[in-house]
PDB file of all heavy atoms in Angstrom:
ATOM      1  N   ILE A   1       0.821  -1.209   0.017  1.00  0.00           N
ATOM      2  CA  ILE A   1      -0.002  -0.031  -0.013  1.00  0.00           C
ATOM      3  C   ILE A   1       0.878   1.275  -0.018  1.00  0.00           C
ATOM      4  O   ILE A   1       0.578   2.250  -0.728  1.00  0.00           O
ATOM      5  CB  ILE A   1      -0.952  -0.006   1.221  1.00  0.00           C
ATOM      6  CG1 ILE A   1      -1.971  -1.142   1.087  1.00  0.00           C
ATOM      7  CG2 ILE A   1      -1.653   1.326   1.390  1.00  0.00           C
ATOM      8  CD1 ILE A   1      -2.867  -1.345   2.274  1.00  0.00           C
ATOM      9  N   GLY A   2       1.972   1.203   0.753  1.00  0.00           N
ATOM     10  CA  GLY A   2       2.809   2.399   0.816  1.00  0.00           C
ATOM     11  C   GLY A   2       3.528   2.678  -0.458  1.00  0.00           C
ATOM     12  O   GLY A   2       3.758   3.842  -0.804  1.00  0.00           O
ATOM     13  N   LEU A   3       3.937   1.652  -1.202  1.00  0.00           N
ATOM     14  CA  LEU A   3       4.673   1.796  -2.448  1.00  0.00           C
ATOM     15  C   LEU A   3       3.796   2.004  -3.667  1.00  0.00           C
ATOM     16  O   LEU A   3       4.300   2.282  -4.727  1.00  0.00           O
ATOM     17  CB  LEU A   3       5.614   0.614  -2.668  1.00  0.00           C
ATOM     18  CG  LEU A   3       6.761   0.454  -1.692  1.00  0.00           C
ATOM     19  CD1 LEU A   3       7.549  -0.800  -1.997  1.00  0.00           C
ATOM     20  CD2 LEU A   3       7.684   1.687  -1.671  1.00  0.00           C
ATOM     21  N   ALA A   4       2.495   1.782  -3.518  1.00  0.00           N
ATOM     22  CA  ALA A   4       1.566   1.801  -4.672  1.00  0.00           C
ATOM     23  C   ALA A   4       1.674   3.117  -5.474  1.00  0.00           C
ATOM     24  O   ALA A   4       1.718   3.071  -6.746  1.00  0.00           O
ATOM     25  CB  ALA A   4       0.124   1.575  -4.214  1.00  0.00           C
ATOM     26  N   PRO A   5       1.749   4.319  -4.848  1.00  0.00           N
ATOM     27  CA  PRO A   5       1.848   5.505  -5.675  1.00  0.00           C
ATOM     28  C   PRO A   5       3.099   5.531  -6.491  1.00  0.00           C
ATOM     29  O   PRO A   5       3.051   5.973  -7.707  1.00  0.00           O
ATOM     30  CB  PRO A   5       1.841   6.644  -4.623  1.00  0.00           C
ATOM     31  CG  PRO A   5       1.244   6.036  -3.418  1.00  0.00           C
ATOM     32  CD  PRO A   5       1.639   4.656  -3.429  1.00  0.00           C
ATOM     33  N   LEU A   6       4.235   5.118  -5.995  1.00  0.00           N
ATOM     34  CA  LEU A   6       5.471   5.131  -6.717  1.00  0.00           C
ATOM     35  C   LEU A   6       5.478   4.092  -7.836  1.00  0.00           C
ATOM     36  O   LEU A   6       5.940   4.383  -8.958  1.00  0.00           O
ATOM     37  CB  LEU A   6       6.657   4.862  -5.754  1.00  0.00           C
ATOM     38  CG  LEU A   6       6.887   5.895  -4.652  1.00  0.00           C
ATOM     39  CD1 LEU A   6       8.052   5.423  -3.708  1.00  0.00           C
ATOM     40  CD2 LEU A   6       7.200   7.264  -5.215  1.00  0.00           C
ATOM     41  N   ILE A   7       4.975   2.886  -7.556  1.00  0.00           N
ATOM     42  CA  ILE A   7       4.992   1.855  -8.548  1.00  0.00           C
ATOM     43  C   ILE A   7       4.094   2.233  -9.715  1.00  0.00           C
ATOM     44  O   ILE A   7       4.480   2.067 -10.906  1.00  0.00           O
ATOM     45  CB  ILE A   7       4.501   0.540  -7.938  1.00  0.00           C
ATOM     46  CG1 ILE A   7       5.478   0.001  -6.911  1.00  0.00           C
ATOM     47  CG2 ILE A   7       4.254  -0.567  -9.040  1.00  0.00           C
ATOM     48  CD1 ILE A   7       4.955  -1.174  -6.073  1.00  0.00           C
ATOM     49  N   SER A   8       2.934   2.782  -9.436  1.00  0.00           N
ATOM     50  CA  SER A   8       1.949   3.084 -10.504  1.00  0.00           C
ATOM     51  C   SER A   8       2.444   4.240 -11.408  1.00  0.00           C
ATOM     52  O   SER A   8       2.333   4.187 -12.604  1.00  0.00           O
ATOM     53  CB  SER A   8       0.587   3.435  -9.920  1.00  0.00           C
ATOM     54  OG  SER A   8       0.706   4.551  -9.050  1.00  0.00           O
ATOM     55  N   ARG A   9       3.094   5.219 -10.749  1.00  0.00           N
ATOM     56  CA  ARG A   9       3.439   6.418 -11.515  1.00  0.00           C
ATOM     57  C   ARG A   9       4.766   6.244 -12.285  1.00  0.00           C
ATOM     58  O   ARG A   9       4.900   6.618 -13.473  1.00  0.00           O
ATOM     59  CB  ARG A   9       3.544   7.640 -10.620  1.00  0.00           C
ATOM     60  CG  ARG A   9       3.961   8.925 -11.317  1.00  0.00           C
ATOM     61  CD  ARG A   9       3.848  10.151 -10.367  1.00  0.00           C
ATOM     62  NE  ARG A   9       2.469  10.380  -9.930  1.00  0.00           N
ATOM     63  CZ  ARG A   9       1.608  11.075 -10.660  1.00  0.00           C
ATOM     64  NH1 ARG A   9       1.944  11.602 -11.835  1.00  0.00           N
ATOM     65  NH2 ARG A   9       0.401  11.254 -10.192  1.00  0.00           N
ATOM     66  N   TYR A  10       5.768   5.653 -11.622  1.00  0.00           N
ATOM     67  CA  TYR A  10       7.090   5.660 -12.174  1.00  0.00           C
ATOM     68  C   TYR A  10       7.537   4.341 -12.849  1.00  0.00           C
ATOM     69  O   TYR A  10       8.388   4.344 -13.710  1.00  0.00           O
ATOM     70  CB  TYR A  10       8.150   6.058 -11.092  1.00  0.00           C
ATOM     71  CG  TYR A  10       7.930   7.454 -10.585  1.00  0.00           C
ATOM     72  CD1 TYR A  10       7.427   7.635  -9.300  1.00  0.00           C
ATOM     73  CD2 TYR A  10       8.205   8.545 -11.349  1.00  0.00           C
ATOM     74  CE1 TYR A  10       7.196   8.922  -8.758  1.00  0.00           C
ATOM     75  CE2 TYR A  10       7.981   9.854 -10.865  1.00  0.00           C
ATOM     76  CZ  TYR A  10       7.485  10.011  -9.567  1.00  0.00           C
ATOM     77  OH  TYR A  10       7.254  11.289  -9.085  1.00  0.00           O
ATOM     78  N   LEU A  11       6.951   3.218 -12.393  1.00  0.00           N
ATOM     79  CA  LEU A  11       7.366   1.982 -12.980  1.00  0.00           C
ATOM     80  C   LEU A  11       6.354   1.441 -14.014  1.00  0.00           C
ATOM     81  O   LEU A  11       6.752   1.072 -15.131  1.00  0.00           O
ATOM     82  CB  LEU A  11       7.492   0.886 -11.850  1.00  0.00           C
ATOM     83  CG  LEU A  11       8.586   1.142 -10.843  1.00  0.00           C
ATOM     84  CD1 LEU A  11       8.667   0.017  -9.804  1.00  0.00           C
ATOM     85  CD2 LEU A  11       9.946   1.279 -11.495  1.00  0.00           C
ATOM     86  N   LEU A  12       5.060   1.488 -13.691  1.00  0.00           N
ATOM     87  CA  LEU A  12       4.069   1.023 -14.662  1.00  0.00           C
ATOM     88  C   LEU A  12       3.655   2.155 -15.648  1.00  0.00           C
ATOM     89  O   LEU A  12       2.957   1.909 -16.609  1.00  0.00           O
ATOM     90  CB  LEU A  12       2.818   0.577 -13.906  1.00  0.00           C
ATOM     91  CG  LEU A  12       3.067  -0.628 -12.997  1.00  0.00           C
ATOM     92  CD1 LEU A  12       1.753  -1.028 -12.261  1.00  0.00           C
ATOM     93  CD2 LEU A  12       3.617  -1.802 -13.719  1.00  0.00           C
ATOM     94  N   THR A  13       4.120   3.338 -15.370  1.00  0.00           N
ATOM     95  CA  THR A  13       3.915   4.563 -16.266  1.00  0.00           C
ATOM     96  C   THR A  13       2.476   4.865 -16.498  1.00  0.00           C
ATOM     97  O   THR A  13       2.154   5.579 -17.480  1.00  0.00           O
ATOM     98  CB  THR A  13       4.660   4.354 -17.601  1.00  0.00           C
ATOM     99  OG1 THR A  13       4.007   3.325 -18.361  1.00  0.00           O
ATOM    100  CG2 THR A  13       6.140   4.025 -17.401  1.00  0.00           C
ATOM    101  N   ASP A  14       1.572   4.367 -15.649  1.00  0.00           N
ATOM    102  CA  ASP A  14       0.174   4.701 -15.783  1.00  0.00           C
ATOM    103  C   ASP A  14      -0.403   4.898 -14.348  1.00  0.00           C
ATOM    104  O   ASP A  14      -0.663   3.928 -13.649  1.00  0.00           O
ATOM    105  CB  ASP A  14      -0.609   3.563 -16.491  1.00  0.00           C
ATOM    106  CG  ASP A  14      -1.982   4.028 -16.911  1.00  0.00           C
ATOM    107  OD1 ASP A  14      -2.565   4.871 -16.268  1.00  0.00           O
ATOM    108  OD2 ASP A  14      -2.479   3.489 -17.966  1.00  0.00           O
ATOM    109  N   PRO A  15      -0.539   6.169 -13.913  1.00  0.00           N
ATOM    110  CA  PRO A  15      -0.980   6.429 -12.544  1.00  0.00           C
ATOM    111  C   PRO A  15      -2.296   5.766 -12.160  1.00  0.00           C
ATOM    112  O   PRO A  15      -2.561   5.563 -10.991  1.00  0.00           O
ATOM    113  CB  PRO A  15      -1.110   7.990 -12.508  1.00  0.00           C
ATOM    114  CG  PRO A  15      -0.230   8.441 -13.621  1.00  0.00           C
ATOM    115  CD  PRO A  15      -0.341   7.397 -14.696  1.00  0.00           C
ATOM    116  N   ARG A  16      -3.124   5.442 -13.153  1.00  0.00           N
ATOM    117  CA  ARG A  16      -4.418   4.799 -12.846  1.00  0.00           C
ATOM    118  C   ARG A  16      -4.263   3.419 -12.288  1.00  0.00           C
ATOM    119  O   ARG A  16      -5.210   2.890 -11.624  1.00  0.00           O
ATOM    120  CB  ARG A  16      -5.241   4.726 -14.149  1.00  0.00           C
ATOM    121  CG  ARG A  16      -5.643   6.051 -14.719  1.00  0.00           C
ATOM    122  CD  ARG A  16      -6.342   5.913 -16.070  1.00  0.00           C
ATOM    123  NE  ARG A  16      -5.462   5.226 -17.037  1.00  0.00           N
ATOM    124  CZ  ARG A  16      -5.880   4.858 -18.240  1.00  0.00           C
ATOM    125  NH1 ARG A  16      -7.120   4.998 -18.603  1.00  0.00           N
ATOM    126  NH2 ARG A  16      -5.005   4.199 -19.049  1.00  0.00           N
ATOM    127  N   SER A  17      -3.106   2.769 -12.424  1.00  0.00           N
ATOM    128  CA  SER A  17      -2.879   1.449 -11.877  1.00  0.00           C
ATOM    129  C   SER A  17      -2.774   1.460 -10.335  1.00  0.00           C
ATOM    130  O   SER A  17      -2.722   0.429  -9.721  1.00  0.00           O
ATOM    131  CB  SER A  17      -1.630   0.806 -12.472  1.00  0.00           C
ATOM    132  OG  SER A  17      -0.494   1.558 -12.191  1.00  0.00           O
ATOM    133  N   TYR A  18      -2.725   2.692  -9.795  1.00  0.00           N
ATOM    134  CA  TYR A  18      -2.693   2.803  -8.300  1.00  0.00           C
ATOM    135  C   TYR A  18      -3.900   2.139  -7.649  1.00  0.00           C
ATOM    136  O   TYR A  18      -3.779   1.474  -6.619  1.00  0.00           O
ATOM    137  CB  TYR A  18      -2.590   4.309  -7.916  1.00  0.00           C
ATOM    138  CG  TYR A  18      -2.865   4.565  -6.479  1.00  0.00           C
ATOM    139  CD1 TYR A  18      -1.896   4.370  -5.475  1.00  0.00           C
ATOM    140  CD2 TYR A  18      -4.107   5.011  -6.056  1.00  0.00           C
ATOM    141  CE1 TYR A  18      -2.168   4.667  -4.137  1.00  0.00           C
ATOM    142  CE2 TYR A  18      -4.370   5.222  -4.711  1.00  0.00           C
ATOM    143  CZ  TYR A  18      -3.380   5.050  -3.771  1.00  0.00           C
ATOM    144  OH  TYR A  18      -3.649   5.297  -2.433  1.00  0.00           O
ATOM    145  N   TYR A  19      -5.063   2.342  -8.228  1.00  0.00           N
ATOM    146  CA  TYR A  19      -6.315   1.850  -7.626  1.00  0.00           C
ATOM    147  C   TYR A  19      -6.387   0.353  -7.540  1.00  0.00           C
ATOM    148  O   TYR A  19      -6.744  -0.220  -6.520  1.00  0.00           O
ATOM    149  CB  TYR A  19      -7.484   2.465  -8.359  1.00  0.00           C
ATOM    150  CG  TYR A  19      -7.528   3.993  -8.290  1.00  0.00           C
ATOM    151  CD1 TYR A  19      -7.062   4.732  -9.368  1.00  0.00           C
ATOM    152  CD2 TYR A  19      -7.934   4.666  -7.150  1.00  0.00           C
ATOM    153  CE1 TYR A  19      -7.044   6.135  -9.326  1.00  0.00           C
ATOM    154  CE2 TYR A  19      -7.977   6.041  -7.102  1.00  0.00           C
ATOM    155  CZ  TYR A  19      -7.488   6.768  -8.165  1.00  0.00           C
ATOM    156  OH  TYR A  19      -7.456   8.152  -8.075  1.00  0.00           O
ATOM    157  N   PRO A  20      -6.065  -0.373  -8.631  1.00  0.00           N
ATOM    158  CA  PRO A  20      -6.022  -1.840  -8.546  1.00  0.00           C
ATOM    159  C   PRO A  20      -4.975  -2.355  -7.517  1.00  0.00           C
ATOM    160  O   PRO A  20      -5.198  -3.341  -6.841  1.00  0.00           O
ATOM    161  CB  PRO A  20      -5.678  -2.312  -9.946  1.00  0.00           C
ATOM    162  CG  PRO A  20      -6.143  -1.172 -10.836  1.00  0.00           C
ATOM    163  CD  PRO A  20      -5.894   0.055 -10.042  1.00  0.00           C
ATOM    164  N   LEU A  21      -3.814  -1.632  -7.435  1.00  0.00           N
ATOM    165  CA  LEU A  21      -2.795  -2.060  -6.481  1.00  0.00           C
ATOM    166  C   LEU A  21      -3.274  -1.967  -5.034  1.00  0.00           C
ATOM    167  O   LEU A  21      -3.043  -2.900  -4.243  1.00  0.00           O
ATOM    168  CB  LEU A  21      -1.537  -1.198  -6.695  1.00  0.00           C
ATOM    169  CG  LEU A  21      -0.685  -1.415  -7.935  1.00  0.00           C
ATOM    170  CD1 LEU A  21       0.364  -0.329  -8.060  1.00  0.00           C
ATOM    171  CD2 LEU A  21      -0.051  -2.792  -7.872  1.00  0.00           C
ATOM    172  N   VAL A  22      -3.939  -0.898  -4.712  1.00  0.00           N
ATOM    173  CA  VAL A  22      -4.467  -0.714  -3.368  1.00  0.00           C
ATOM    174  C   VAL A  22      -5.622  -1.701  -3.103  1.00  0.00           C
ATOM    175  O   VAL A  22      -5.770  -2.261  -1.988  1.00  0.00           O
ATOM    176  CB  VAL A  22      -4.902   0.687  -3.152  1.00  0.00           C
ATOM    177  CG1 VAL A  22      -5.633   0.891  -1.797  1.00  0.00           C
ATOM    178  CG2 VAL A  22      -3.697   1.638  -3.179  1.00  0.00           C
ATOM    179  N   GLY A  23      -6.480  -1.920  -4.148  1.00  0.00           N
ATOM    180  CA  GLY A  23      -7.590  -2.775  -3.942  1.00  0.00           C
ATOM    181  C   GLY A  23      -7.228  -4.243  -3.656  1.00  0.00           C
ATOM    182  O   GLY A  23      -7.975  -4.965  -2.965  1.00  0.00           O
ATOM    183  N   ILE A  24      -6.157  -4.691  -4.207  1.00  0.00           N
ATOM    184  CA  ILE A  24      -5.743  -6.086  -4.082  1.00  0.00           C
ATOM    185  C   ILE A  24      -4.864  -6.376  -2.876  1.00  0.00           C
ATOM    186  O   ILE A  24      -4.696  -7.523  -2.442  1.00  0.00           O
ATOM    187  CB  ILE A  24      -5.000  -6.564  -5.347  1.00  0.00           C
ATOM    188  CG1 ILE A  24      -5.013  -8.099  -5.476  1.00  0.00           C
ATOM    189  CG2 ILE A  24      -3.591  -6.039  -5.363  1.00  0.00           C
ATOM    190  CD1 ILE A  24      -6.368  -8.703  -5.621  1.00  0.00           C
ATOM    191  N   ALA A  25      -4.316  -5.322  -2.247  1.00  0.00           N
ATOM    192  CA  ALA A  25      -3.355  -5.540  -1.141  1.00  0.00           C
ATOM    193  C   ALA A  25      -3.876  -6.398   0.033  1.00  0.00           C
ATOM    194  O   ALA A  25      -3.110  -7.183   0.547  1.00  0.00           O
ATOM    195  CB  ALA A  25      -2.866  -4.135  -0.622  1.00  0.00           C
ATOM    196  N   PRO A  26      -5.106  -6.237   0.478  1.00  0.00           N
ATOM    197  CA  PRO A  26      -5.592  -7.038   1.610  1.00  0.00           C
ATOM    198  C   PRO A  26      -5.596  -8.551   1.356  1.00  0.00           C
ATOM    199  O   PRO A  26      -5.820  -9.324   2.321  1.00  0.00           O
ATOM    200  CB  PRO A  26      -7.007  -6.512   1.853  1.00  0.00           C
ATOM    201  CG  PRO A  26      -7.063  -5.142   1.277  1.00  0.00           C
ATOM    202  CD  PRO A  26      -6.114  -5.243   0.081  1.00  0.00           C
ATOM    203  N   ILE A  27      -5.350  -8.966   0.139  1.00  0.00           N
ATOM    204  CA  ILE A  27      -5.360 -10.428  -0.158  1.00  0.00           C
ATOM    205  C   ILE A  27      -4.142 -11.150   0.436  1.00  0.00           C
ATOM    206  O   ILE A  27      -4.145 -12.342   0.637  1.00  0.00           O
ATOM    207  CB  ILE A  27      -5.443 -10.664  -1.636  1.00  0.00           C
ATOM    208  CG1 ILE A  27      -6.093 -12.042  -1.961  1.00  0.00           C
ATOM    209  CG2 ILE A  27      -4.102 -10.548  -2.320  1.00  0.00           C
ATOM    210  CD1 ILE A  27      -6.358 -12.298  -3.410  1.00  0.00           C
ATOM    211  N   LEU A  28      -3.046 -10.380   0.720  1.00  0.00           N
ATOM    212  CA  LEU A  28      -1.802 -11.018   1.104  1.00  0.00           C
ATOM    213  C   LEU A  28      -1.925 -11.889   2.338  1.00  0.00           C
ATOM    214  O   LEU A  28      -1.477 -13.063   2.284  1.00  0.00           O
ATOM    215  CB  LEU A  28      -0.708  -9.941   1.271  1.00  0.00           C
ATOM    216  CG  LEU A  28      -0.298  -9.226  -0.031  1.00  0.00           C
ATOM    217  CD1 LEU A  28       0.673  -8.130   0.281  1.00  0.00           C
ATOM    218  CD2 LEU A  28       0.299 -10.232  -0.997  1.00  0.00           C
ATOM    219  N   PRO A  29      -2.428 -11.411   3.491  1.00  0.00           N
ATOM    220  CA  PRO A  29      -2.492 -12.327   4.648  1.00  0.00           C
ATOM    221  C   PRO A  29      -3.421 -13.492   4.429  1.00  0.00           C
ATOM    222  O   PRO A  29      -3.223 -14.574   4.960  1.00  0.00           O
ATOM    223  CB  PRO A  29      -2.969 -11.414   5.797  1.00  0.00           C
ATOM    224  CG  PRO A  29      -3.546 -10.229   5.154  1.00  0.00           C
ATOM    225  CD  PRO A  29      -2.827 -10.044   3.852  1.00  0.00           C
ATOM    226  N   ILE A  30      -4.481 -13.291   3.603  1.00  0.00           N
ATOM    227  CA  ILE A  30      -5.472 -14.359   3.317  1.00  0.00           C
ATOM    228  C   ILE A  30      -4.761 -15.473   2.530  1.00  0.00           C
ATOM    229  O   ILE A  30      -4.833 -16.638   2.853  1.00  0.00           O
ATOM    230  CB  ILE A  30      -6.634 -13.830   2.597  1.00  0.00           C
ATOM    231  CG1 ILE A  30      -7.347 -12.748   3.426  1.00  0.00           C
ATOM    232  CG2 ILE A  30      -7.607 -14.949   2.255  1.00  0.00           C
ATOM    233  CD1 ILE A  30      -8.475 -12.012   2.657  1.00  0.00           C
ATOM    234  N   VAL A  31      -4.040 -15.086   1.474  1.00  0.00           N
ATOM    235  CA  VAL A  31      -3.359 -16.073   0.647  1.00  0.00           C
ATOM    236  C   VAL A  31      -2.248 -16.774   1.429  1.00  0.00           C
ATOM    237  O   VAL A  31      -2.032 -18.000   1.287  1.00  0.00           O
ATOM    238  CB  VAL A  31      -2.730 -15.393  -0.574  1.00  0.00           C
ATOM    239  CG1 VAL A  31      -1.828 -16.311  -1.333  1.00  0.00           C
ATOM    240  CG2 VAL A  31      -3.858 -14.934  -1.584  1.00  0.00           C
ATOM    241  N   ALA A  32      -1.527 -16.032   2.280  1.00  0.00           N
ATOM    242  CA  ALA A  32      -0.413 -16.631   3.038  1.00  0.00           C
ATOM    243  C   ALA A  32      -0.903 -17.743   3.952  1.00  0.00           C
ATOM    244  O   ALA A  32      -0.381 -18.807   4.016  1.00  0.00           O
ATOM    245  CB  ALA A  32       0.318 -15.497   3.805  1.00  0.00           C
ATOM    246  N   VAL A  33      -1.961 -17.423   4.694  1.00  0.00           N
ATOM    247  CA  VAL A  33      -2.514 -18.464   5.587  1.00  0.00           C
ATOM    248  C   VAL A  33      -3.090 -19.632   4.827  1.00  0.00           C
ATOM    249  O   VAL A  33      -2.878 -20.801   5.205  1.00  0.00           O
ATOM    250  CB  VAL A  33      -3.599 -17.825   6.545  1.00  0.00           C
ATOM    251  CG1 VAL A  33      -4.327 -18.915   7.338  1.00  0.00           C
ATOM    252  CG2 VAL A  33      -2.986 -16.793   7.467  1.00  0.00           C
ATOM    253  N   SER A  34      -3.782 -19.346   3.747  1.00  0.00           N
ATOM    254  CA  SER A  34      -4.358 -20.430   2.931  1.00  0.00           C
ATOM    255  C   SER A  34      -3.322 -21.328   2.359  1.00  0.00           C
ATOM    256  O   SER A  34      -3.467 -22.561   2.281  1.00  0.00           O
ATOM    257  CB  SER A  34      -5.218 -19.815   1.821  1.00  0.00           C
ATOM    258  OG  SER A  34      -6.300 -19.128   2.253  1.00  0.00           O
ATOM    259  N   SER A  35      -2.162 -20.752   1.947  1.00  0.00           N
ATOM    260  CA  SER A  35      -1.117 -21.561   1.343  1.00  0.00           C
ATOM    261  C   SER A  35      -0.505 -22.583   2.261  1.00  0.00           C
ATOM    262  O   SER A  35      -0.209 -23.699   1.960  1.00  0.00           O
ATOM    263  CB  SER A  35      -0.030 -20.647   0.733  1.00  0.00           C
ATOM    264  OG  SER A  35       0.700 -19.994   1.780  1.00  0.00           O
ATOM    265  N   VAL A  36      -0.362 -22.153   3.547  1.00  0.00           N
ATOM    266  CA  VAL A  36       0.173 -23.059   4.579  1.00  0.00           C
ATOM    267  C   VAL A  36      -0.805 -24.160   4.871  1.00  0.00           C
ATOM    268  O   VAL A  36      -0.444 -25.333   5.011  1.00  0.00           O
ATOM    269  CB  VAL A  36       0.545 -22.240   5.850  1.00  0.00           C
ATOM    270  CG1 VAL A  36       0.870 -23.243   7.018  1.00  0.00           C
ATOM    271  CG2 VAL A  36       1.697 -21.324   5.609  1.00  0.00           C
ATOM    272  N   LEU A  37      -2.104 -23.842   4.981  1.00  0.00           N
ATOM    273  CA  LEU A  37      -3.131 -24.836   5.266  1.00  0.00           C
ATOM    274  C   LEU A  37      -3.202 -25.849   4.144  1.00  0.00           C
ATOM    275  O   LEU A  37      -3.287 -27.055   4.357  1.00  0.00           O
ATOM    276  CB  LEU A  37      -4.468 -24.167   5.525  1.00  0.00           C
ATOM    277  CG  LEU A  37      -4.581 -23.270   6.731  1.00  0.00           C
ATOM    278  CD1 LEU A  37      -5.958 -22.655   6.829  1.00  0.00           C
ATOM    279  CD2 LEU A  37      -4.241 -24.033   7.980  1.00  0.00           C
ATOM    280  N   ARG A  38      -3.130 -25.348   2.891  1.00  0.00           N
ATOM    281  CA  ARG A  38      -3.152 -26.291   1.749  1.00  0.00           C
ATOM    282  C   ARG A  38      -1.936 -27.161   1.760  1.00  0.00           C
ATOM    283  O   ARG A  38      -2.010 -28.371   1.469  1.00  0.00           O
ATOM    284  CB  ARG A  38      -3.193 -25.490   0.427  1.00  0.00           C
ATOM    285  CG  ARG A  38      -4.575 -24.837   0.147  1.00  0.00           C
ATOM    286  CD  ARG A  38      -4.629 -24.313  -1.275  1.00  0.00           C
ATOM    287  NE  ARG A  38      -5.895 -23.698  -1.563  1.00  0.00           N
ATOM    288  CZ  ARG A  38      -6.104 -22.374  -1.643  1.00  0.00           C
ATOM    289  NH1 ARG A  38      -5.080 -21.568  -1.519  1.00  0.00           N
ATOM    290  NH2 ARG A  38      -7.316 -21.896  -1.920  1.00  0.00           N
ATOM    291  N   GLY A  39      -0.751 -26.597   2.046  1.00  0.00           N
ATOM    292  CA  GLY A  39       0.479 -27.368   2.129  1.00  0.00           C
ATOM    293  C   GLY A  39       0.389 -28.483   3.126  1.00  0.00           C
ATOM    294  O   GLY A  39       0.867 -29.590   2.935  1.00  0.00           O
ATOM    295  N   TYR A  40      -0.244 -28.173   4.285  1.00  0.00           N
ATOM    296  CA  TYR A  40      -0.418 -29.174   5.346  1.00  0.00           C
ATOM    297  C   TYR A  40      -1.247 -30.344   4.877  1.00  0.00           C
ATOM    298  O   TYR A  40      -0.853 -31.523   5.033  1.00  0.00           O
ATOM    299  CB  TYR A  40      -1.021 -28.518   6.578  1.00  0.00           C
ATOM    300  CG  TYR A  40      -1.302 -29.482   7.706  1.00  0.00           C
ATOM    301  CD1 TYR A  40      -0.282 -29.917   8.550  1.00  0.00           C
ATOM    302  CD2 TYR A  40      -2.597 -29.961   7.929  1.00  0.00           C
ATOM    303  CE1 TYR A  40      -0.549 -30.788   9.594  1.00  0.00           C
ATOM    304  CE2 TYR A  40      -2.858 -30.879   8.941  1.00  0.00           C
ATOM    305  CZ  TYR A  40      -1.821 -31.284   9.740  1.00  0.00           C
ATOM    306  OH  TYR A  40      -2.063 -32.189  10.806  1.00  0.00           O
ATOM    307  N   PHE A  41      -2.398 -30.035   4.297  1.00  0.00           N
ATOM    308  CA  PHE A  41      -3.274 -31.126   3.820  1.00  0.00           C
ATOM    309  C   PHE A  41      -2.680 -31.890   2.674  1.00  0.00           C
ATOM    310  O   PHE A  41      -2.788 -33.119   2.605  1.00  0.00           O
ATOM    311  CB  PHE A  41      -4.627 -30.564   3.426  1.00  0.00           C
ATOM    312  CG  PHE A  41      -5.488 -30.121   4.552  1.00  0.00           C
ATOM    313  CD1 PHE A  41      -5.950 -28.820   4.670  1.00  0.00           C
ATOM    314  CD2 PHE A  41      -5.901 -31.060   5.554  1.00  0.00           C
ATOM    315  CE1 PHE A  41      -6.756 -28.422   5.723  1.00  0.00           C
ATOM    316  CE2 PHE A  41      -6.711 -30.684   6.558  1.00  0.00           C
ATOM    317  CZ  PHE A  41      -7.129 -29.379   6.659  1.00  0.00           C
ATOM    318  N   GLN A  42      -1.949 -31.204   1.784  1.00  0.00           N
ATOM    319  CA  GLN A  42      -1.296 -31.905   0.659  1.00  0.00           C
ATOM    320  C   GLN A  42      -0.182 -32.822   1.186  1.00  0.00           C
ATOM    321  O   GLN A  42       0.031 -33.905   0.610  1.00  0.00           O
ATOM    322  CB  GLN A  42      -0.736 -30.833  -0.301  1.00  0.00           C
ATOM    323  CG  GLN A  42      -1.811 -30.134  -1.075  1.00  0.00           C
ATOM    324  CD  GLN A  42      -1.374 -28.759  -1.624  1.00  0.00           C
ATOM    325  OE1 GLN A  42      -0.203 -28.442  -1.609  1.00  0.00           O
ATOM    326  NE2 GLN A  42      -2.316 -27.975  -2.083  1.00  0.00           N
ATOM    327  N   GLY A  43       0.567 -32.358   2.208  1.00  0.00           N
ATOM    328  CA  GLY A  43       1.608 -33.175   2.774  1.00  0.00           C
ATOM    329  C   GLY A  43       1.034 -34.471   3.375  1.00  0.00           C
ATOM    330  O   GLY A  43       1.679 -35.523   3.317  1.00  0.00           O
ATOM    331  N   ARG A  44      -0.180 -34.386   3.860  1.00  0.00           N
ATOM    332  CA  ARG A  44      -0.850 -35.624   4.402  1.00  0.00           C
ATOM    333  C   ARG A  44      -1.575 -36.346   3.279  1.00  0.00           C
ATOM    334  O   ARG A  44      -2.354 -37.272   3.541  1.00  0.00           O
ATOM    335  CB  ARG A  44      -1.780 -35.250   5.534  1.00  0.00           C
ATOM    336  CG  ARG A  44      -1.008 -34.540   6.662  1.00  0.00           C
ATOM    337  CD  ARG A  44      -1.816 -34.441   7.960  1.00  0.00           C
ATOM    338  NE  ARG A  44      -1.912 -35.737   8.629  1.00  0.00           N
ATOM    339  CZ  ARG A  44      -2.371 -35.890   9.847  1.00  0.00           C
ATOM    340  NH1 ARG A  44      -2.817 -34.855  10.527  1.00  0.00           N
ATOM    341  NH2 ARG A  44      -2.479 -37.088  10.377  1.00  0.00           N
TER     342      ARG A  44
END
């Protein structure tokens, strides 16, 4: 979330990409926990 303004403006060269970057950020802890749980069941 903190880097979204810089990434959208200077790296992706389209400032409008800021909004999708911020919108998707909350997925990170959800995906992280899910990946460990899937790995546990797959290991068994």
